[in-house]
Amino acid sequence: MISTISRGPTLAGLSHWSSKQYVRAAQYPQVFGIEINRHHKTPKGWWEPITFFEEEEEGILYPHDDPMIIRAEIADYDVGPVLIDTGSSVNVIFADAFRGMGIDDSQSAVSGCLSPSALPPRKMMVYDQFLIVDCPTACNVIVGRRTLTEIKAHLSPHMLLMKFPTCNVTSAIRGDQLSARSSYATTLKLASFKPPNETMYVQGIPNGIGPIDDPRDEMPMPQA
């Protein structure tokens, strides 16, 4: 069985109409762009170009295909392993971590804090919504595209490095390679299972030779 997480608070909305409008905005950007700009004036702040340098590979074990695992604070709690997932359209807090935070179920939004580990302490405070998912997992939180685009995050999976602009300077978060590999090992352990022992019996083939009985031979013939 393959389980998936669907729906949730996305810019496309939850209704069929809003999702169609979201698609049409990309299909006809000239028309929908004018309409959107007419109602939403987003202030544009200046931020310096974000670049990655070869020297920033230092400290990373190569070759690797490790995920981006960081630490973050949510509602003043250090929530532990946080997966940065550009393939997720929503943010997720898994149920065990959510219960450990002691947050009231009626609370509609919580604040999250991303703390850079490679540069002087600068923090990006983000208010966003999370889905609460109850299933076994190695990570406590998934940060998806919604938050990553909001903070203008730039990722280098090769360097396990994420950079984003803060107050006219660039902050950076380095992924924890040990935590990433430990989480992967834990995920394999959670997903492992022993297949049941099953025996298949085949009738009509004594000693492995002879004709195979066709079950259609036992079906009643239609009457003329």
N, C-alpha and C. Protein backbone atom coordinates (compact mmCIF):
# COMPACT_ATOMS: atom_id res chain seq x y z
N MET A 1 0.84 -1.19 0.00
CA MET A 1 0.00 0.00 0.00
C MET A 1 0.88 1.24 0.00
N ILE A 2 0.55 2.21 -0.83
CA ILE A 2 1.27 3.47 -0.89
C ILE A 2 0.36 4.56 -0.34
N SER A 3 0.80 5.23 0.75
CA SER A 3 0.01 6.30 1.36
C SER A 3 0.52 7.64 0.86
N THR A 4 -0.39 8.56 0.60
CA THR A 4 -0.02 9.89 0.14
C THR A 4 -0.70 10.94 1.01
N ILE A 5 -0.11 12.13 1.05
CA ILE A 5 -0.69 13.28 1.75
C ILE A 5 -1.21 14.23 0.69
N SER A 6 -2.49 14.53 0.74
CA SER A 6 -3.09 15.42 -0.25
C SER A 6 -3.88 16.51 0.44
N ARG A 7 -4.26 17.52 -0.36
CA ARG A 7 -5.00 18.68 0.10
C ARG A 7 -4.14 19.49 1.05
N GLY A 8 -4.76 20.39 1.81
CA GLY A 8 -4.01 21.25 2.70
C GLY A 8 -3.99 22.69 2.22
N PRO A 9 -3.40 23.59 3.01
CA PRO A 9 -3.41 25.02 2.69
C PRO A 9 -2.39 25.36 1.61
N THR A 10 -2.82 25.45 0.38
CA THR A 10 -1.95 25.84 -0.72
C THR A 10 -2.52 27.06 -1.42
N LEU A 11 -1.71 27.73 -2.21
CA LEU A 11 -2.17 28.91 -2.94
C LEU A 11 -3.23 28.57 -3.97
N ALA A 12 -3.24 27.32 -4.42
CA ALA A 12 -4.24 26.91 -5.40
C ALA A 12 -5.63 26.78 -4.79
N GLY A 13 -5.73 26.74 -3.47
CA GLY A 13 -7.03 26.60 -2.83
C GLY A 13 -7.51 25.17 -2.81
N LEU A 14 -8.66 24.94 -2.21
CA LEU A 14 -9.19 23.60 -2.06
C LEU A 14 -10.34 23.29 -3.01
N SER A 15 -10.92 24.33 -3.62
CA SER A 15 -12.06 24.10 -4.49
C SER A 15 -11.60 23.81 -5.92
N HIS A 16 -12.50 23.17 -6.67
CA HIS A 16 -12.20 22.88 -8.07
C HIS A 16 -12.05 24.17 -8.87
N TRP A 17 -12.89 25.17 -8.58
CA TRP A 17 -12.83 26.44 -9.30
C TRP A 17 -11.51 27.15 -9.06
N SER A 18 -11.06 27.23 -7.80
CA SER A 18 -9.82 27.94 -7.49
C SER A 18 -8.61 27.24 -8.10
N SER A 19 -8.62 25.91 -8.13
CA SER A 19 -7.49 25.20 -8.74
C SER A 19 -7.45 25.43 -10.25
N LYS A 20 -8.64 25.53 -10.89
CA LYS A 20 -8.67 25.83 -12.33
C LYS A 20 -8.16 27.24 -12.60
N GLN A 21 -8.53 28.18 -11.73
CA GLN A 21 -8.04 29.54 -11.89
C GLN A 21 -6.52 29.60 -11.71
N TYR A 22 -6.00 28.78 -10.82
CA TYR A 22 -4.56 28.74 -10.57
C TYR A 22 -3.82 28.24 -11.81
N VAL A 23 -4.42 27.27 -12.49
CA VAL A 23 -3.81 26.76 -13.72
C VAL A 23 -3.90 27.80 -14.83
N ARG A 24 -5.05 28.47 -14.94
CA ARG A 24 -5.24 29.46 -15.99
C ARG A 24 -4.31 30.65 -15.83
N ALA A 25 -3.95 30.98 -14.58
CA ALA A 25 -3.03 32.10 -14.35
C ALA A 25 -1.67 31.82 -14.98
N ALA A 26 -1.26 30.54 -15.02
CA ALA A 26 0.00 30.19 -15.67
C ALA A 26 -0.18 30.06 -17.18
N GLN A 27 -1.40 29.69 -17.60
CA GLN A 27 -1.66 29.51 -19.03
C GLN A 27 -1.81 30.85 -19.74
N TYR A 28 -2.41 31.83 -19.06
CA TYR A 28 -2.60 33.16 -19.63
C TYR A 28 -2.03 34.21 -18.67
N PRO A 29 -0.70 34.27 -18.53
CA PRO A 29 -0.11 35.17 -17.52
C PRO A 29 -0.37 36.64 -17.81
N GLN A 30 -0.50 37.02 -19.10
CA GLN A 30 -0.72 38.43 -19.41
C GLN A 30 -2.06 38.91 -18.85
N VAL A 31 -3.10 38.08 -19.03
CA VAL A 31 -4.44 38.46 -18.58
C VAL A 31 -4.55 38.40 -17.07
N PHE A 32 -4.18 37.23 -16.50
CA PHE A 32 -4.35 37.05 -15.06
C PHE A 32 -3.34 37.88 -14.27
N GLY A 33 -2.15 38.12 -14.85
CA GLY A 33 -1.16 38.92 -14.16
C GLY A 33 -1.64 40.34 -13.95
N ILE A 34 -2.30 40.92 -14.94
CA ILE A 34 -2.85 42.27 -14.81
C ILE A 34 -3.91 42.30 -13.72
N GLU A 35 -4.77 41.28 -13.69
CA GLU A 35 -5.84 41.24 -12.70
C GLU A 35 -5.30 41.08 -11.29
N ILE A 36 -4.27 40.24 -11.13
CA ILE A 36 -3.69 40.02 -9.81
C ILE A 36 -2.99 41.28 -9.32
N ASN A 37 -2.21 41.92 -10.19
CA ASN A 37 -1.49 43.13 -9.79
C ASN A 37 -2.44 44.27 -9.45
N ARG A 38 -3.64 44.23 -10.00
CA ARG A 38 -4.62 45.28 -9.73
C ARG A 38 -5.12 45.21 -8.29
N HIS A 39 -5.11 44.00 -7.71
CA HIS A 39 -5.66 43.83 -6.36
C HIS A 39 -4.59 43.59 -5.30
N HIS A 40 -3.42 43.14 -5.70
CA HIS A 40 -2.38 42.81 -4.73
C HIS A 40 -1.11 43.59 -5.07
N LYS A 41 -0.78 44.52 -4.23
CA LYS A 41 0.46 45.28 -4.39
C LYS A 41 1.48 44.73 -3.39
N THR A 42 2.40 43.93 -3.86
CA THR A 42 3.40 43.33 -2.99
C THR A 42 4.63 44.22 -2.95
N PRO A 43 4.99 44.72 -1.76
CA PRO A 43 6.20 45.56 -1.69
C PRO A 43 7.43 44.73 -2.00
N LYS A 44 8.32 45.28 -2.82
CA LYS A 44 9.53 44.58 -3.20
C LYS A 44 10.70 45.17 -2.43
N GLY A 45 11.38 44.31 -1.68
CA GLY A 45 12.55 44.75 -0.94
C GLY A 45 13.82 44.37 -1.68
N TRP A 46 14.88 45.14 -1.45
CA TRP A 46 16.14 44.85 -2.13
C TRP A 46 16.88 43.78 -1.36
N TRP A 47 17.48 42.85 -2.09
CA TRP A 47 18.36 41.87 -1.44
C TRP A 47 19.49 41.53 -2.39
N GLU A 48 20.64 41.31 -1.80
CA GLU A 48 21.85 41.11 -2.58
C GLU A 48 21.80 39.77 -3.30
N PRO A 49 22.53 39.63 -4.40
CA PRO A 49 22.55 38.35 -5.14
C PRO A 49 23.02 37.21 -4.23
N ILE A 50 22.39 36.06 -4.40
CA ILE A 50 22.74 34.88 -3.62
C ILE A 50 23.60 33.96 -4.48
N THR A 51 24.77 33.64 -4.00
CA THR A 51 25.72 32.84 -4.76
C THR A 51 26.24 31.69 -3.89
N PHE A 52 26.73 30.66 -4.55
CA PHE A 52 27.35 29.52 -3.88
C PHE A 52 28.77 29.38 -4.41
N PHE A 53 29.69 29.05 -3.51
CA PHE A 53 31.10 28.97 -3.86
C PHE A 53 31.64 27.56 -3.62
N GLU A 54 32.66 27.22 -4.37
CA GLU A 54 33.25 25.89 -4.25
C GLU A 54 33.79 25.64 -2.85
N GLU A 55 34.26 26.69 -2.19
CA GLU A 55 34.81 26.53 -0.84
C GLU A 55 33.75 26.06 0.16
N GLU A 56 32.48 26.29 -0.18
CA GLU A 56 31.41 25.90 0.75
C GLU A 56 31.13 24.40 0.73
N GLU A 57 31.83 23.65 -0.11
CA GLU A 57 31.73 22.19 -0.09
C GLU A 57 32.45 21.61 1.13
N GLU A 58 33.30 22.40 1.77
CA GLU A 58 34.10 21.89 2.88
C GLU A 58 33.20 21.36 4.00
N GLY A 59 33.54 20.20 4.51
CA GLY A 59 32.79 19.59 5.61
C GLY A 59 31.73 18.61 5.16
N ILE A 60 31.49 18.50 3.86
CA ILE A 60 30.49 17.58 3.34
C ILE A 60 31.18 16.34 2.79
N LEU A 61 30.65 15.18 3.13
CA LEU A 61 31.19 13.92 2.63
C LEU A 61 30.65 13.65 1.23
N TYR A 62 31.55 13.45 0.28
CA TYR A 62 31.18 13.15 -1.09
C TYR A 62 31.70 11.77 -1.47
N PRO A 63 31.01 11.07 -2.38
CA PRO A 63 29.71 11.42 -2.98
C PRO A 63 28.58 11.21 -1.98
N HIS A 64 27.45 11.85 -2.22
CA HIS A 64 26.29 11.67 -1.34
C HIS A 64 25.01 11.94 -2.12
N ASP A 65 23.92 11.42 -1.60
CA ASP A 65 22.57 11.74 -2.09
C ASP A 65 21.66 11.98 -0.90
N ASP A 66 22.22 12.64 0.12
CA ASP A 66 21.51 12.85 1.38
C ASP A 66 20.46 13.95 1.26
N PRO A 67 19.34 13.80 1.99
CA PRO A 67 18.34 14.87 2.00
C PRO A 67 18.81 16.03 2.86
N MET A 68 18.10 17.15 2.73
CA MET A 68 18.42 18.35 3.50
C MET A 68 17.67 18.29 4.83
N ILE A 69 18.41 18.01 5.91
CA ILE A 69 17.83 17.93 7.25
C ILE A 69 18.42 19.07 8.09
N ILE A 70 17.55 19.88 8.68
CA ILE A 70 18.00 20.99 9.53
C ILE A 70 17.28 20.92 10.87
N ARG A 71 17.58 21.88 11.73
CA ARG A 71 16.85 22.05 12.98
C ARG A 71 16.15 23.40 12.93
N ALA A 72 14.99 23.48 13.56
CA ALA A 72 14.24 24.73 13.56
C ALA A 72 13.41 24.80 14.83
N GLU A 73 12.98 26.00 15.17
CA GLU A 73 12.10 26.23 16.31
C GLU A 73 10.70 26.52 15.81
N ILE A 74 9.72 25.87 16.41
CA ILE A 74 8.32 26.13 16.10
C ILE A 74 7.60 26.36 17.42
N ALA A 75 6.97 27.52 17.55
CA ALA A 75 6.27 27.89 18.79
C ALA A 75 7.19 27.74 19.99
N ASP A 76 8.44 28.20 19.83
CA ASP A 76 9.46 28.20 20.89
C ASP A 76 9.94 26.80 21.27
N TYR A 77 9.66 25.80 20.45
CA TYR A 77 10.15 24.45 20.68
C TYR A 77 11.18 24.07 19.61
N ASP A 78 12.28 23.47 20.05
CA ASP A 78 13.22 22.89 19.10
C ASP A 78 12.62 21.56 18.65
N VAL A 79 12.13 21.52 17.42
CA VAL A 79 11.36 20.36 16.96
C VAL A 79 12.24 19.25 16.39
N GLY A 80 13.56 19.43 16.45
CA GLY A 80 14.43 18.33 16.03
C GLY A 80 14.56 18.22 14.52
N PRO A 81 14.68 16.98 14.00
CA PRO A 81 14.94 16.82 12.56
C PRO A 81 13.81 17.41 11.71
N VAL A 82 14.18 18.32 10.82
CA VAL A 82 13.23 18.96 9.92
C VAL A 82 13.68 18.70 8.49
N LEU A 83 12.81 18.09 7.70
CA LEU A 83 13.13 17.78 6.31
C LEU A 83 12.74 18.95 5.41
N ILE A 84 13.69 19.46 4.63
CA ILE A 84 13.40 20.48 3.62
C ILE A 84 13.02 19.74 2.34
N ASP A 85 11.77 19.89 1.93
CA ASP A 85 11.24 19.08 0.83
C ASP A 85 10.59 19.98 -0.22
N THR A 86 11.29 20.21 -1.32
CA THR A 86 10.72 21.02 -2.40
C THR A 86 9.62 20.28 -3.15
N GLY A 87 9.44 19.00 -2.89
CA GLY A 87 8.39 18.24 -3.53
C GLY A 87 7.08 18.27 -2.78
N SER A 88 7.06 18.88 -1.60
CA SER A 88 5.84 18.96 -0.80
C SER A 88 5.20 20.33 -0.95
N SER A 89 3.92 20.37 -1.27
CA SER A 89 3.22 21.64 -1.43
C SER A 89 2.77 22.23 -0.11
N VAL A 90 2.85 21.47 0.98
CA VAL A 90 2.39 21.93 2.29
C VAL A 90 3.46 21.64 3.33
N ASN A 91 3.30 22.29 4.49
CA ASN A 91 4.14 22.01 5.65
C ASN A 91 3.45 20.96 6.51
N VAL A 92 4.24 20.09 7.11
CA VAL A 92 3.69 18.98 7.88
C VAL A 92 4.37 18.91 9.24
N ILE A 93 3.58 18.74 10.29
CA ILE A 93 4.09 18.35 11.61
C ILE A 93 3.51 16.98 11.91
N PHE A 94 4.36 16.05 12.26
CA PHE A 94 3.87 14.72 12.57
C PHE A 94 3.33 14.67 13.99
N ALA A 95 2.34 13.81 14.20
CA ALA A 95 1.50 13.86 15.40
C ALA A 95 2.30 13.72 16.69
N ASP A 96 3.28 12.84 16.72
CA ASP A 96 4.05 12.66 17.96
C ASP A 96 4.76 13.95 18.36
N ALA A 97 5.35 14.63 17.39
CA ALA A 97 6.02 15.89 17.69
C ALA A 97 5.01 16.96 18.10
N PHE A 98 3.87 16.99 17.44
CA PHE A 98 2.84 17.99 17.76
C PHE A 98 2.33 17.81 19.19
N ARG A 99 2.08 16.56 19.58
CA ARG A 99 1.62 16.31 20.95
C ARG A 99 2.69 16.68 21.96
N GLY A 100 3.95 16.45 21.63
CA GLY A 100 5.04 16.80 22.54
C GLY A 100 5.20 18.30 22.73
N MET A 101 4.72 19.10 21.78
CA MET A 101 4.82 20.55 21.88
C MET A 101 3.75 21.13 22.79
N GLY A 102 2.70 20.37 23.06
CA GLY A 102 1.65 20.83 23.96
C GLY A 102 0.85 21.99 23.42
N ILE A 103 0.71 22.08 22.11
CA ILE A 103 -0.05 23.17 21.49
C ILE A 103 -1.53 22.85 21.51
N ASP A 104 -2.35 23.86 21.78
CA ASP A 104 -3.80 23.70 21.77
C ASP A 104 -4.28 23.35 20.36
N ASP A 105 -5.14 22.32 20.25
CA ASP A 105 -5.64 21.89 18.95
C ASP A 105 -6.41 22.99 18.23
N SER A 106 -6.96 23.96 18.98
CA SER A 106 -7.77 25.00 18.36
C SER A 106 -6.90 26.10 17.75
N GLN A 107 -5.61 26.07 17.99
CA GLN A 107 -4.72 27.10 17.45
C GLN A 107 -4.58 26.92 15.95
N SER A 108 -4.91 27.96 15.18
CA SER A 108 -4.96 27.84 13.73
C SER A 108 -3.61 28.03 13.06
N ALA A 109 -2.67 28.71 13.71
CA ALA A 109 -1.36 28.93 13.10
C ALA A 109 -0.31 29.04 14.19
N VAL A 110 0.89 28.62 13.89
CA VAL A 110 2.00 28.73 14.82
C VAL A 110 3.17 29.38 14.10
N SER A 111 4.06 29.97 14.87
CA SER A 111 5.22 30.63 14.28
C SER A 111 6.40 29.68 14.25
N GLY A 112 7.19 29.82 13.22
CA GLY A 112 8.39 29.00 13.11
C GLY A 112 9.60 29.88 12.93
N CYS A 113 10.74 29.42 13.42
CA CYS A 113 11.97 30.20 13.36
C CYS A 113 13.07 29.37 12.75
N LEU A 114 13.67 29.87 11.67
CA LEU A 114 14.81 29.22 11.05
C LEU A 114 16.07 29.93 11.51
N SER A 115 16.99 29.18 12.10
CA SER A 115 18.21 29.77 12.66
C SER A 115 19.42 29.37 11.83
N PRO A 116 20.11 30.31 11.20
CA PRO A 116 21.30 29.98 10.42
C PRO A 116 22.38 29.36 11.29
N SER A 117 23.09 28.38 10.75
CA SER A 117 24.14 27.73 11.50
C SER A 117 25.52 28.08 10.99
N ALA A 118 25.62 28.67 9.80
CA ALA A 118 26.93 28.94 9.21
C ALA A 118 27.32 30.40 9.30
N LEU A 119 26.36 31.29 9.58
CA LEU A 119 26.65 32.72 9.63
C LEU A 119 26.31 33.25 11.02
N PRO A 120 26.66 34.49 11.32
CA PRO A 120 26.27 35.06 12.61
C PRO A 120 24.77 34.96 12.82
N PRO A 121 24.35 34.90 14.10
CA PRO A 121 22.93 34.58 14.37
C PRO A 121 21.96 35.60 13.80
N ARG A 122 21.32 35.21 12.74
CA ARG A 122 20.21 35.97 12.18
C ARG A 122 19.06 34.99 12.01
N LYS A 123 17.85 35.41 12.30
CA LYS A 123 16.72 34.49 12.28
C LYS A 123 15.65 34.99 11.33
N MET A 124 14.98 34.06 10.70
CA MET A 124 13.85 34.36 9.83
C MET A 124 12.59 33.84 10.52
N MET A 125 11.72 34.76 10.93
CA MET A 125 10.48 34.36 11.59
C MET A 125 9.38 34.21 10.54
N VAL A 126 8.73 33.06 10.54
CA VAL A 126 7.71 32.75 9.54
C VAL A 126 6.45 32.28 10.25
N TYR A 127 5.31 32.83 9.85
CA TYR A 127 4.01 32.37 10.33
C TYR A 127 3.33 31.60 9.20
N ASP A 128 2.99 30.36 9.47
CA ASP A 128 2.41 29.55 8.41
C ASP A 128 1.55 28.45 9.02
N GLN A 129 0.86 27.73 8.16
CA GLN A 129 -0.01 26.63 8.58
C GLN A 129 0.65 25.29 8.32
N PHE A 130 0.29 24.30 9.15
CA PHE A 130 0.85 22.96 9.03
C PHE A 130 -0.28 21.94 9.02
N LEU A 131 -0.07 20.88 8.28
CA LEU A 131 -0.93 19.71 8.41
C LEU A 131 -0.39 18.82 9.52
N ILE A 132 -1.29 18.25 10.31
CA ILE A 132 -0.90 17.31 11.35
C ILE A 132 -1.14 15.90 10.81
N VAL A 133 -0.08 15.12 10.67
CA VAL A 133 -0.15 13.79 10.08
C VAL A 133 0.30 12.76 11.11
N ASP A 134 -0.52 11.75 11.31
CA ASP A 134 -0.22 10.71 12.29
C ASP A 134 0.27 9.45 11.57
N CYS A 135 1.57 9.29 11.50
CA CYS A 135 2.17 8.10 10.90
C CYS A 135 3.61 8.02 11.39
N PRO A 136 4.18 6.81 11.41
CA PRO A 136 5.58 6.68 11.84
C PRO A 136 6.52 7.35 10.87
N THR A 137 7.50 8.08 11.40
CA THR A 137 8.43 8.81 10.55
C THR A 137 9.72 9.06 11.31
N ALA A 138 10.79 9.30 10.56
CA ALA A 138 12.08 9.60 11.18
C ALA A 138 12.24 11.09 11.46
N CYS A 139 11.48 11.93 10.76
CA CYS A 139 11.55 13.39 10.95
C CYS A 139 10.31 13.86 11.70
N ASN A 140 10.43 14.99 12.35
CA ASN A 140 9.30 15.54 13.08
C ASN A 140 8.49 16.53 12.25
N VAL A 141 9.15 17.18 11.28
CA VAL A 141 8.50 18.24 10.52
C VAL A 141 8.98 18.17 9.07
N ILE A 142 8.10 18.50 8.14
CA ILE A 142 8.46 18.72 6.75
C ILE A 142 8.17 20.17 6.40
N VAL A 143 9.17 20.88 5.91
CA VAL A 143 8.98 22.24 5.42
C VAL A 143 8.89 22.17 3.90
N GLY A 144 7.75 22.58 3.36
CA GLY A 144 7.50 22.43 1.93
C GLY A 144 7.69 23.72 1.15
N ARG A 145 7.24 23.68 -0.10
CA ARG A 145 7.45 24.79 -1.02
C ARG A 145 6.80 26.09 -0.54
N ARG A 146 5.70 25.99 0.15
CA ARG A 146 4.98 27.19 0.58
C ARG A 146 5.88 28.10 1.41
N THR A 147 6.55 27.54 2.40
CA THR A 147 7.43 28.33 3.25
C THR A 147 8.72 28.68 2.53
N LEU A 148 9.25 27.74 1.75
CA LEU A 148 10.52 27.98 1.06
C LEU A 148 10.42 29.15 0.08
N THR A 149 9.30 29.25 -0.63
CA THR A 149 9.13 30.36 -1.55
C THR A 149 8.88 31.67 -0.80
N GLU A 150 8.22 31.58 0.34
CA GLU A 150 7.95 32.78 1.11
C GLU A 150 9.23 33.44 1.62
N ILE A 151 10.21 32.62 2.01
CA ILE A 151 11.46 33.18 2.53
C ILE A 151 12.50 33.35 1.42
N LYS A 152 12.10 33.08 0.16
CA LYS A 152 13.00 33.19 -0.99
C LYS A 152 14.22 32.29 -0.83
N ALA A 153 14.00 31.05 -0.44
CA ALA A 153 15.09 30.13 -0.17
C ALA A 153 15.74 29.65 -1.46
N HIS A 154 17.06 29.56 -1.45
CA HIS A 154 17.84 29.01 -2.56
C HIS A 154 18.61 27.80 -2.01
N LEU A 155 18.41 26.66 -2.63
CA LEU A 155 18.99 25.43 -2.12
C LEU A 155 20.09 24.90 -3.04
N SER A 156 21.13 24.37 -2.42
CA SER A 156 22.15 23.61 -3.14
C SER A 156 22.18 22.21 -2.53
N PRO A 157 21.45 21.25 -3.12
CA PRO A 157 21.49 19.88 -2.59
C PRO A 157 22.89 19.30 -2.58
N HIS A 158 23.71 19.72 -3.55
CA HIS A 158 25.08 19.23 -3.62
C HIS A 158 25.87 19.62 -2.37
N MET A 159 25.67 20.84 -1.89
CA MET A 159 26.40 21.34 -0.72
C MET A 159 25.61 21.18 0.57
N LEU A 160 24.37 20.67 0.48
CA LEU A 160 23.48 20.61 1.65
C LEU A 160 23.42 21.98 2.32
N LEU A 161 23.16 22.98 1.50
CA LEU A 161 23.20 24.36 1.96
C LEU A 161 21.98 25.12 1.45
N MET A 162 21.34 25.85 2.34
CA MET A 162 20.19 26.68 1.97
C MET A 162 20.50 28.12 2.36
N LYS A 163 20.28 29.05 1.42
CA LYS A 163 20.51 30.47 1.68
C LYS A 163 19.22 31.24 1.42
N PHE A 164 19.05 32.34 2.18
CA PHE A 164 17.87 33.19 2.00
C PHE A 164 18.20 34.59 2.47
N PRO A 165 17.56 35.60 1.89
CA PRO A 165 17.86 36.99 2.27
C PRO A 165 17.19 37.38 3.57
N THR A 166 17.93 38.08 4.44
CA THR A 166 17.38 38.62 5.68
C THR A 166 17.98 40.00 5.91
N CYS A 167 17.15 41.02 5.98
CA CYS A 167 17.59 42.38 6.32
C CYS A 167 18.78 42.81 5.47
N ASN A 168 18.65 42.66 4.16
CA ASN A 168 19.66 43.11 3.21
C ASN A 168 20.98 42.35 3.29
N VAL A 169 20.97 41.21 3.98
CA VAL A 169 22.15 40.33 4.00
C VAL A 169 21.67 38.91 3.70
N THR A 170 22.61 38.03 3.39
CA THR A 170 22.27 36.65 3.08
C THR A 170 22.58 35.75 4.28
N SER A 171 21.58 35.01 4.73
CA SER A 171 21.78 34.03 5.79
C SER A 171 21.82 32.64 5.18
N ALA A 172 22.38 31.69 5.92
CA ALA A 172 22.54 30.35 5.39
C ALA A 172 22.30 29.32 6.48
N ILE A 173 21.78 28.18 6.07
CA ILE A 173 21.59 27.04 6.96
C ILE A 173 22.26 25.84 6.32
N ARG A 174 23.10 25.18 7.08
CA ARG A 174 23.78 23.99 6.60
C ARG A 174 23.01 22.75 7.04
N GLY A 175 22.77 21.84 6.10
CA GLY A 175 22.12 20.59 6.43
C GLY A 175 23.02 19.70 7.28
N ASP A 176 22.40 18.92 8.14
CA ASP A 176 23.12 18.01 9.03
C ASP A 176 23.22 16.65 8.35
N GLN A 177 24.41 16.31 7.86
CA GLN A 177 24.58 15.08 7.08
C GLN A 177 24.43 13.84 7.97
N LEU A 178 24.91 13.90 9.20
CA LEU A 178 24.76 12.76 10.11
C LEU A 178 23.30 12.51 10.42
N SER A 179 22.55 13.58 10.68
CA SER A 179 21.12 13.45 10.96
C SER A 179 20.39 12.91 9.74
N ALA A 180 20.80 13.34 8.53
CA ALA A 180 20.15 12.88 7.31
C ALA A 180 20.33 11.37 7.14
N ARG A 181 21.54 10.88 7.37
CA ARG A 181 21.79 9.45 7.19
C ARG A 181 21.15 8.63 8.30
N SER A 182 21.11 9.18 9.52
CA SER A 182 20.43 8.49 10.61
C SER A 182 18.94 8.40 10.36
N SER A 183 18.36 9.48 9.83
CA SER A 183 16.93 9.48 9.53
C SER A 183 16.61 8.47 8.44
N TYR A 184 17.49 8.37 7.44
CA TYR A 184 17.27 7.40 6.37
C TYR A 184 17.31 5.97 6.92
N ALA A 185 18.27 5.69 7.81
CA ALA A 185 18.36 4.35 8.40
C ALA A 185 17.13 4.04 9.24
N THR A 186 16.63 5.06 9.97
CA THR A 186 15.42 4.86 10.77
C THR A 186 14.21 4.61 9.89
N THR A 187 14.12 5.32 8.77
CA THR A 187 13.01 5.12 7.84
C THR A 187 13.00 3.70 7.29
N LEU A 188 14.17 3.18 6.93
CA LEU A 188 14.25 1.81 6.44
C LEU A 188 13.81 0.82 7.50
N LYS A 189 14.17 1.10 8.75
CA LYS A 189 13.79 0.21 9.84
C LYS A 189 12.29 0.22 10.05
N LEU A 190 11.67 1.43 9.95
CA LEU A 190 10.22 1.53 10.13
C LEU A 190 9.47 0.84 9.00
N ALA A 191 10.06 0.88 7.80
CA ALA A 191 9.37 0.33 6.63
C ALA A 191 9.61 -1.15 6.44
N SER A 192 10.59 -1.71 7.17
CA SER A 192 10.92 -3.12 6.97
C SER A 192 9.84 -4.01 7.56
N PHE A 193 9.57 -5.11 6.89
CA PHE A 193 8.63 -6.09 7.39
C PHE A 193 9.01 -7.45 6.82
N LYS A 194 8.58 -8.50 7.51
CA LYS A 194 8.87 -9.85 7.07
C LYS A 194 7.69 -10.38 6.28
N PRO A 195 7.88 -10.69 5.00
CA PRO A 195 6.75 -11.19 4.21
C PRO A 195 6.28 -12.54 4.73
N PRO A 196 4.97 -12.77 4.72
CA PRO A 196 4.46 -14.06 5.22
C PRO A 196 4.91 -15.21 4.32
N ASN A 197 5.07 -16.36 4.97
CA ASN A 197 5.43 -17.56 4.22
C ASN A 197 4.18 -18.11 3.52
N GLU A 198 4.21 -18.19 2.23
CA GLU A 198 3.08 -18.68 1.46
C GLU A 198 3.54 -19.79 0.54
N THR A 199 2.70 -20.79 0.39
CA THR A 199 3.00 -21.90 -0.51
C THR A 199 1.95 -21.94 -1.60
N MET A 200 2.39 -22.04 -2.82
CA MET A 200 1.48 -22.09 -3.95
C MET A 200 1.38 -23.54 -4.42
N TYR A 201 0.16 -24.04 -4.49
CA TYR A 201 -0.08 -25.41 -4.95
C TYR A 201 -0.60 -25.37 -6.38
N VAL A 202 -0.02 -26.19 -7.21
CA VAL A 202 -0.44 -26.32 -8.60
C VAL A 202 -0.92 -27.74 -8.81
N GLN A 203 -2.18 -27.89 -9.18
CA GLN A 203 -2.77 -29.21 -9.38
C GLN A 203 -2.68 -29.61 -10.85
N GLY A 204 -2.66 -30.90 -11.07
CA GLY A 204 -2.72 -31.42 -12.43
C GLY A 204 -1.37 -31.52 -13.10
N ILE A 205 -0.28 -31.36 -12.33
CA ILE A 205 1.05 -31.50 -12.91
C ILE A 205 1.86 -32.47 -12.05
N PRO A 206 1.59 -33.76 -12.11
CA PRO A 206 2.33 -34.73 -11.31
C PRO A 206 3.82 -34.69 -11.65
N ASN A 207 4.63 -34.62 -10.59
CA ASN A 207 6.09 -34.62 -10.75
C ASN A 207 6.58 -33.50 -11.67
N GLY A 208 5.78 -32.47 -11.81
CA GLY A 208 6.22 -31.33 -12.62
C GLY A 208 6.08 -31.54 -14.11
N ILE A 209 5.48 -32.67 -14.55
CA ILE A 209 5.32 -32.90 -15.98
C ILE A 209 3.87 -33.23 -16.26
N GLY A 210 3.51 -33.23 -17.51
CA GLY A 210 2.13 -33.55 -17.87
C GLY A 210 1.37 -32.33 -18.28
N PRO A 211 0.18 -32.54 -18.81
CA PRO A 211 -0.62 -31.41 -19.28
C PRO A 211 -1.18 -30.60 -18.12
N ILE A 212 -1.39 -29.31 -18.38
CA ILE A 212 -1.98 -28.41 -17.39
C ILE A 212 -3.48 -28.37 -17.59
N ASP A 213 -4.23 -28.59 -16.49
CA ASP A 213 -5.68 -28.54 -16.57
C ASP A 213 -6.14 -27.12 -16.86
N ASP A 214 -6.98 -27.01 -17.84
CA ASP A 214 -7.55 -25.70 -18.18
C ASP A 214 -8.89 -25.57 -17.46
N PRO A 215 -9.05 -24.60 -16.55
CA PRO A 215 -10.32 -24.47 -15.82
C PRO A 215 -11.50 -24.20 -16.74
N ARG A 216 -11.27 -23.77 -17.95
CA ARG A 216 -12.38 -23.50 -18.86
C ARG A 216 -13.03 -24.81 -19.32
N ASP A 217 -12.28 -25.92 -19.20
CA ASP A 217 -12.84 -27.20 -19.60
C ASP A 217 -13.99 -27.62 -18.68
N GLU A 218 -14.00 -27.10 -17.43
CA GLU A 218 -15.03 -27.47 -16.47
C GLU A 218 -16.26 -26.55 -16.53
N MET A 219 -16.18 -25.52 -17.36
CA MET A 219 -17.30 -24.59 -17.47
C MET A 219 -18.40 -25.19 -18.34
N PRO A 220 -19.68 -25.02 -17.97
CA PRO A 220 -20.76 -25.57 -18.76
C PRO A 220 -20.82 -24.92 -20.14
N MET A 221 -21.06 -25.75 -21.13
CA MET A 221 -21.16 -25.24 -22.49
C MET A 221 -22.52 -24.60 -22.71
N PRO A 222 -22.55 -23.47 -23.42
CA PRO A 222 -23.86 -22.84 -23.67
C PRO A 222 -24.73 -23.73 -24.54
N GLN A 223 -26.03 -23.75 -24.18
CA GLN A 223 -27.00 -24.54 -24.93
C GLN A 223 -27.47 -23.80 -26.19
N ALA A 224 -27.56 -24.52 -27.29
CA ALA A 224 -28.00 -23.90 -28.54
C ALA A 224 -29.49 -23.58 -28.48
